[in-house]
Amino acid sequence: MVTIGNLRVLNLTALFPRYLPSLERIVPEYKRVIGDADILITDNPPNLDEICELEFKAYRLATGEAHCNSVFVTTPGIALRLTLTHMNEVPKILRTWVPDLAYAKLTALVINMVKGEVGDIPVERKVIIPFKNDLFYSGLRIGTELVEIDQLVKYAEEAIENNNSGK
């Protein structure tokens, strides 16, 4: 786990494939990591695997809640087409893991490293981030100005507001 200010990041993928703990073992740790956070962000791989299942079940057991606001991040081309197909399957898969799932909503689709046009994307809330050579080679750092992220923040704030008002 890494802590920077009040941001906590737990990387469950570091556990795989060598060792995957039992749900009973990870729930108390997961509960400790979540603490009194109002928002929890998990960075899952593009494919839903055993680690994602463990994380989602642990969240349910640690918080007593079962819901998901997703932000899918992809790149143009084949990855984008696969993501568009995959996005629609996520709620069904989550329900097999946690049958009392309250909801699974798409907060936004982020298409990263776009060179040129991506064409018509049938998603209402999308953020298109152009390819930036300096970010590609140096990475995103604190203080990096990326105006497209403001739109993603707006979508996330709307999702939080809608969830708090019961919409």
C-alpha atoms as a PDB file:
ATOM      1  CA  MET A   1       0.000   0.000   0.000  1.00  0.00           C
ATOM      2  CA  VAL A   2       1.156   3.513  -0.826  1.00  0.00           C
ATOM      3  CA  THR A   3      -0.142   6.581   0.990  1.00  0.00           C
ATOM      4  CA  ILE A   4       0.266  10.100  -0.385  1.00  0.00           C
ATOM      5  CA  GLY A   5      -1.753  12.654   1.580  1.00  0.00           C
ATOM      6  CA  ASN A   6      -5.215  11.106   1.902  1.00  0.00           C
ATOM      7  CA  LEU A   7      -4.831   9.038  -1.265  1.00  0.00           C
ATOM      8  CA  ARG A   8      -4.401   5.341  -0.604  1.00  0.00           C
ATOM      9  CA  VAL A   9      -3.499   2.883  -3.332  1.00  0.00           C
ATOM     10  CA  LEU A  10      -3.535  -0.834  -2.752  1.00  0.00           C
ATOM     11  CA  ASN A  11      -2.139  -2.976  -5.523  1.00  0.00           C
ATOM     12  CA  LEU A  12      -3.644  -6.432  -5.320  1.00  0.00           C
ATOM     13  CA  THR A  13      -1.957  -7.488  -8.555  1.00  0.00           C
ATOM     14  CA  ALA A  14       1.317  -7.725  -6.656  1.00  0.00           C
ATOM     15  CA  LEU A  15      -0.182 -10.854  -5.064  1.00  0.00           C
ATOM     16  CA  PHE A  16      -0.718 -12.693  -8.319  1.00  0.00           C
ATOM     17  CA  PRO A  17       0.114 -15.242  -9.657  1.00  0.00           C
ATOM     18  CA  ARG A  18       2.348 -16.500  -6.848  1.00  0.00           C
ATOM     19  CA  TYR A  19      -0.080 -16.076  -4.021  1.00  0.00           C
ATOM     20  CA  LEU A  20      -3.742 -15.174  -3.745  1.00  0.00           C
ATOM     21  CA  PRO A  21      -5.021 -14.859  -0.159  1.00  0.00           C
ATOM     22  CA  SER A  22      -8.375 -16.137   1.007  1.00  0.00           C
ATOM     23  CA  LEU A  23     -11.289 -13.745   1.230  1.00  0.00           C
ATOM     24  CA  GLU A  24     -11.371 -14.237   5.006  1.00  0.00           C
ATOM     25  CA  ARG A  25      -7.755 -13.104   5.260  1.00  0.00           C
ATOM     26  CA  ILE A  26      -8.012 -10.069   3.017  1.00  0.00           C
ATOM     27  CA  VAL A  27     -11.310  -8.544   4.271  1.00  0.00           C
ATOM     28  CA  PRO A  28      -9.893  -7.191   7.584  1.00  0.00           C
ATOM     29  CA  GLU A  29      -6.926  -5.663   5.739  1.00  0.00           C
ATOM     30  CA  TYR A  30      -9.178  -4.280   3.046  1.00  0.00           C
ATOM     31  CA  LYS A  31     -11.430  -2.735   5.713  1.00  0.00           C
ATOM     32  CA  ARG A  32      -8.371  -1.150   7.344  1.00  0.00           C
ATOM     33  CA  VAL A  33      -7.178   0.263   4.025  1.00  0.00           C
ATOM     34  CA  ILE A  34     -10.601   1.715   3.188  1.00  0.00           C
ATOM     35  CA  GLY A  35     -10.899   3.291   6.638  1.00  0.00           C
ATOM     36  CA  ASP A  36     -13.345   6.162   6.591  1.00  0.00           C
ATOM     37  CA  ALA A  37     -12.849   7.023   2.929  1.00  0.00           C
ATOM     38  CA  ASP A  38     -15.889   8.398   1.114  1.00  0.00           C
ATOM     39  CA  ILE A  39     -14.557   7.300  -2.261  1.00  0.00           C
ATOM     40  CA  LEU A  40     -12.549   4.220  -3.131  1.00  0.00           C
ATOM     41  CA  ILE A  41     -10.789   3.941  -6.470  1.00  0.00           C
ATOM     42  CA  THR A  42      -9.508   0.574  -7.587  1.00  0.00           C
ATOM     43  CA  ASP A  43      -7.304   0.237 -10.627  1.00  0.00           C
ATOM     44  CA  ASN A  44      -8.201  -3.105 -12.120  1.00  0.00           C
ATOM     45  CA  PRO A  45      -6.742  -4.785 -15.179  1.00  0.00           C
ATOM     46  CA  PRO A  46      -8.785  -4.676 -18.391  1.00  0.00           C
ATOM     47  CA  ASN A  47      -9.810  -8.288 -17.988  1.00  0.00           C
ATOM     48  CA  LEU A  48     -11.865  -9.290 -14.963  1.00  0.00           C
ATOM     49  CA  ASP A  49      -9.862 -11.990 -13.263  1.00  0.00           C
ATOM     50  CA  GLU A  50      -9.504 -13.688  -9.869  1.00  0.00           C
ATOM     51  CA  ILE A  51      -7.917 -10.583  -8.372  1.00  0.00           C
ATOM     52  CA  CYS A  52     -10.841  -8.392  -9.446  1.00  0.00           C
ATOM     53  CA  GLU A  53     -13.269 -10.930  -8.019  1.00  0.00           C
ATOM     54  CA  LEU A  54     -11.393 -11.024  -4.709  1.00  0.00           C
ATOM     55  CA  GLU A  55     -11.294  -7.220  -4.550  1.00  0.00           C
ATOM     56  CA  PHE A  56     -15.009  -6.803  -5.300  1.00  0.00           C
ATOM     57  CA  LYS A  57     -16.091  -9.453  -2.802  1.00  0.00           C
ATOM     58  CA  ALA A  58     -13.746  -7.973  -0.184  1.00  0.00           C
ATOM     59  CA  TYR A  59     -15.259  -4.544  -0.756  1.00  0.00           C
ATOM     60  CA  ARG A  60     -18.758  -5.983  -0.241  1.00  0.00           C
ATOM     61  CA  LEU A  61     -17.796  -7.753   2.970  1.00  0.00           C
ATOM     62  CA  ALA A  62     -15.712  -4.848   4.324  1.00  0.00           C
ATOM     63  CA  THR A  63     -18.299  -2.116   3.687  1.00  0.00           C
ATOM     64  CA  GLY A  64     -21.655  -3.885   3.528  1.00  0.00           C
ATOM     65  CA  GLU A  65     -22.207  -2.159   0.190  1.00  0.00           C
ATOM     66  CA  ALA A  66     -22.273  -3.500  -3.340  1.00  0.00           C
ATOM     67  CA  HIS A  67     -22.130  -0.989  -6.155  1.00  0.00           C
ATOM     68  CA  CYS A  68     -19.776   0.111  -8.891  1.00  0.00           C
ATOM     69  CA  ASN A  69     -19.163   3.318 -10.840  1.00  0.00           C
ATOM     70  CA  SER A  70     -16.781   2.374 -13.631  1.00  0.00           C
ATOM     71  CA  VAL A  71     -14.294   4.434 -15.585  1.00  0.00           C
ATOM     72  CA  PHE A  72     -12.878   2.424 -18.455  1.00  0.00           C
ATOM     73  CA  VAL A  73      -9.531   3.544 -19.851  1.00  0.00           C
ATOM     74  CA  THR A  74      -8.382   2.360 -23.262  1.00  0.00           C
ATOM     75  CA  THR A  75      -6.454   3.367 -26.342  1.00  0.00           C
ATOM     76  CA  PRO A  76      -7.731   3.745 -29.927  1.00  0.00           C
ATOM     77  CA  GLY A  77      -8.068   0.907 -32.427  1.00  0.00           C
ATOM     78  CA  ILE A  78      -8.619  -2.723 -31.497  1.00  0.00           C
ATOM     79  CA  ALA A  79      -8.289  -1.995 -27.760  1.00  0.00           C
ATOM     80  CA  LEU A  80     -11.146   0.519 -28.009  1.00  0.00           C
ATOM     81  CA  ARG A  81     -13.393  -1.924 -29.881  1.00  0.00           C
ATOM     82  CA  LEU A  82     -12.686  -4.660 -27.332  1.00  0.00           C
ATOM     83  CA  THR A  83     -13.343  -2.249 -24.444  1.00  0.00           C
ATOM     84  CA  LEU A  84     -16.690  -1.170 -25.918  1.00  0.00           C
ATOM     85  CA  THR A  85     -17.752  -4.822 -26.061  1.00  0.00           C
ATOM     86  CA  HIS A  86     -16.327  -5.662 -22.631  1.00  0.00           C
ATOM     87  CA  MET A  87     -17.956  -2.687 -20.858  1.00  0.00           C
ATOM     88  CA  ASN A  88     -21.429  -4.102 -21.381  1.00  0.00           C
ATOM     89  CA  GLU A  89     -20.494  -7.432 -19.796  1.00  0.00           C
ATOM     90  CA  VAL A  90     -19.066  -6.024 -16.563  1.00  0.00           C
ATOM     91  CA  PRO A  91     -22.371  -5.591 -14.654  1.00  0.00           C
ATOM     92  CA  LYS A  92     -23.359  -9.198 -15.470  1.00  0.00           C
ATOM     93  CA  ILE A  93     -20.029 -10.517 -14.212  1.00  0.00           C
ATOM     94  CA  LEU A  94     -20.156  -8.394 -11.047  1.00  0.00           C
ATOM     95  CA  ARG A  95     -23.627  -9.813 -10.291  1.00  0.00           C
ATOM     96  CA  THR A  96     -22.275 -13.360 -10.458  1.00  0.00           C
ATOM     97  CA  TRP A  97     -19.672 -12.375  -7.853  1.00  0.00           C
ATOM     98  CA  VAL A  98     -21.987 -10.331  -5.614  1.00  0.00           C
ATOM     99  CA  PRO A  99     -25.652 -11.129  -6.351  1.00  0.00           C
ATOM    100  CA  ASP A 100     -26.976  -8.213  -4.246  1.00  0.00           C
ATOM    101  CA  LEU A 101     -25.145  -5.643  -6.399  1.00  0.00           C
ATOM    102  CA  ALA A 102     -27.147  -2.416  -6.057  1.00  0.00           C
ATOM    103  CA  TYR A 103     -25.957  -0.958  -9.350  1.00  0.00           C
ATOM    104  CA  ALA A 104     -23.120  -0.863 -11.868  1.00  0.00           C
ATOM    105  CA  LYS A 105     -22.915   2.392 -13.818  1.00  0.00           C
ATOM    106  CA  LEU A 106     -20.539   3.702 -16.446  1.00  0.00           C
ATOM    107  CA  THR A 107     -19.143   6.991 -15.149  1.00  0.00           C
ATOM    108  CA  ALA A 108     -16.955   7.617 -18.195  1.00  0.00           C
ATOM    109  CA  LEU A 109     -14.898   6.105 -20.969  1.00  0.00           C
ATOM    110  CA  VAL A 110     -11.370   7.504 -21.295  1.00  0.00           C
ATOM    111  CA  ILE A 111      -9.648   7.059 -24.631  1.00  0.00           C
ATOM    112  CA  ASN A 112      -5.972   7.778 -24.086  1.00  0.00           C
ATOM    113  CA  MET A 113      -3.084   8.505 -26.469  1.00  0.00           C
ATOM    114  CA  VAL A 114      -5.321   9.538 -29.374  1.00  0.00           C
ATOM    115  CA  LYS A 115      -3.547  10.543 -32.570  1.00  0.00           C
ATOM    116  CA  GLY A 116      -6.114  12.025 -34.945  1.00  0.00           C
ATOM    117  CA  GLU A 117      -9.790  11.032 -34.860  1.00  0.00           C
ATOM    118  CA  VAL A 118     -11.331   8.041 -33.078  1.00  0.00           C
ATOM    119  CA  GLY A 119     -14.622   8.089 -34.987  1.00  0.00           C
ATOM    120  CA  ASP A 120     -18.107   7.869 -33.531  1.00  0.00           C
ATOM    121  CA  ILE A 121     -18.060   6.349 -30.061  1.00  0.00           C
ATOM    122  CA  PRO A 122     -21.521   5.324 -28.793  1.00  0.00           C
ATOM    123  CA  VAL A 123     -20.833   6.429 -25.205  1.00  0.00           C
ATOM    124  CA  GLU A 124     -22.375   9.568 -23.739  1.00  0.00           C
ATOM    125  CA  ARG A 125     -19.649  10.402 -21.208  1.00  0.00           C
ATOM    126  CA  LYS A 126     -16.255  10.108 -22.835  1.00  0.00           C
ATOM    127  CA  VAL A 127     -12.932  11.836 -22.340  1.00  0.00           C
ATOM    128  CA  ILE A 128     -10.508  11.883 -25.232  1.00  0.00           C
ATOM    129  CA  ILE A 129      -6.895  12.514 -24.281  1.00  0.00           C
ATOM    130  CA  PRO A 130      -4.579  13.303 -27.185  1.00  0.00           C
ATOM    131  CA  PHE A 131      -1.205  11.638 -27.502  1.00  0.00           C
ATOM    132  CA  LYS A 132       1.382  13.804 -25.767  1.00  0.00           C
ATOM    133  CA  ASN A 133       4.943  12.876 -26.558  1.00  0.00           C
ATOM    134  CA  ASP A 134       6.359  14.276 -23.297  1.00  0.00           C
ATOM    135  CA  LEU A 135       3.878  12.258 -21.178  1.00  0.00           C
ATOM    136  CA  PHE A 136       4.571   9.107 -23.159  1.00  0.00           C
ATOM    137  CA  TYR A 137       8.258   9.230 -22.325  1.00  0.00           C
ATOM    138  CA  SER A 138       8.203  10.798 -18.853  1.00  0.00           C
ATOM    139  CA  GLY A 139       4.851   9.666 -17.446  1.00  0.00           C
ATOM    140  CA  LEU A 140       2.132  11.544 -15.622  1.00  0.00           C
ATOM    141  CA  ARG A 141       3.502  13.333 -12.582  1.00  0.00           C
ATOM    142  CA  ILE A 142       1.933  15.478  -9.876  1.00  0.00           C
ATOM    143  CA  GLY A 143       1.568  18.953 -11.315  1.00  0.00           C
ATOM    144  CA  THR A 144       1.247  17.757 -14.905  1.00  0.00           C
ATOM    145  CA  GLU A 145      -1.365  19.853 -16.662  1.00  0.00           C
ATOM    146  CA  LEU A 146      -3.829  17.691 -18.536  1.00  0.00           C
ATOM    147  CA  VAL A 147      -6.996  19.714 -19.136  1.00  0.00           C
ATOM    148  CA  GLU A 148      -8.937  16.667 -20.346  1.00  0.00           C
ATOM    149  CA  ILE A 149      -8.857  15.288 -16.800  1.00  0.00           C
ATOM    150  CA  ASP A 150     -11.136  18.173 -15.743  1.00  0.00           C
ATOM    151  CA  GLN A 151     -13.960  16.572 -17.760  1.00  0.00           C
ATOM    152  CA  LEU A 152     -13.336  13.206 -16.091  1.00  0.00           C
ATOM    153  CA  VAL A 153     -13.447  14.893 -12.673  1.00  0.00           C
ATOM    154  CA  LYS A 154     -16.774  16.510 -13.639  1.00  0.00           C
ATOM    155  CA  TYR A 155     -18.234  13.119 -14.596  1.00  0.00           C
ATOM    156  CA  ALA A 156     -16.990  11.591 -11.325  1.00  0.00           C
ATOM    157  CA  GLU A 157     -18.472  14.458  -9.297  1.00  0.00           C
ATOM    158  CA  GLU A 158     -21.813  13.992 -11.070  1.00  0.00           C
ATOM    159  CA  ALA A 159     -21.753  10.265 -10.283  1.00  0.00           C
ATOM    160  CA  ILE A 160     -21.043  10.954  -6.613  1.00  0.00           C
ATOM    161  CA  GLU A 161     -23.794  13.584  -6.459  1.00  0.00           C
ATOM    162  CA  ASN A 162     -26.289  11.249  -8.175  1.00  0.00           C
ATOM    163  CA  ASN A 163     -25.402   8.403  -5.819  1.00  0.00           C
ATOM    164  CA  ASN A 164     -25.797  10.647  -2.772  1.00  0.00           C
ATOM    165  CA  SER A 165     -29.197  11.865  -3.989  1.00  0.00           C
ATOM    166  CA  GLY A 166     -30.378   8.323  -4.812  1.00  0.00           C
ATOM    167  CA  LYS A 167     -30.508   8.798  -8.608  1.00  0.00           C
END
